């Protein structure tokens, strides 16, 4: 993924992308320990993509460059989940 495309992602999407890449890197390293890889340069590519994501997150944290805003607020999601739990408890008990 290009840096321009990464800058358009929200913080949550970047964190998810980072987790996915870390999982893929782990799986590649496990396969590498067992046998040779089809594309050994993929580990380097993943390392660099993770570094790019970390750089973007750090830029956002320091206020150098702000990340894209999420279309849905995480707090709004938490409030709706809380209300749903309360409604469920009231109907059950």
Foldseek 3Di string as FASTA:
>chain_A
DDLVVVLADALVVLVVVLVVLVVVLVVQVVVVVVDNDPDVCVNVVSVVSNVSSVVSVVCCVVVVDNGHDDPDDPVVVVVVVVVVVVVVVVVVD
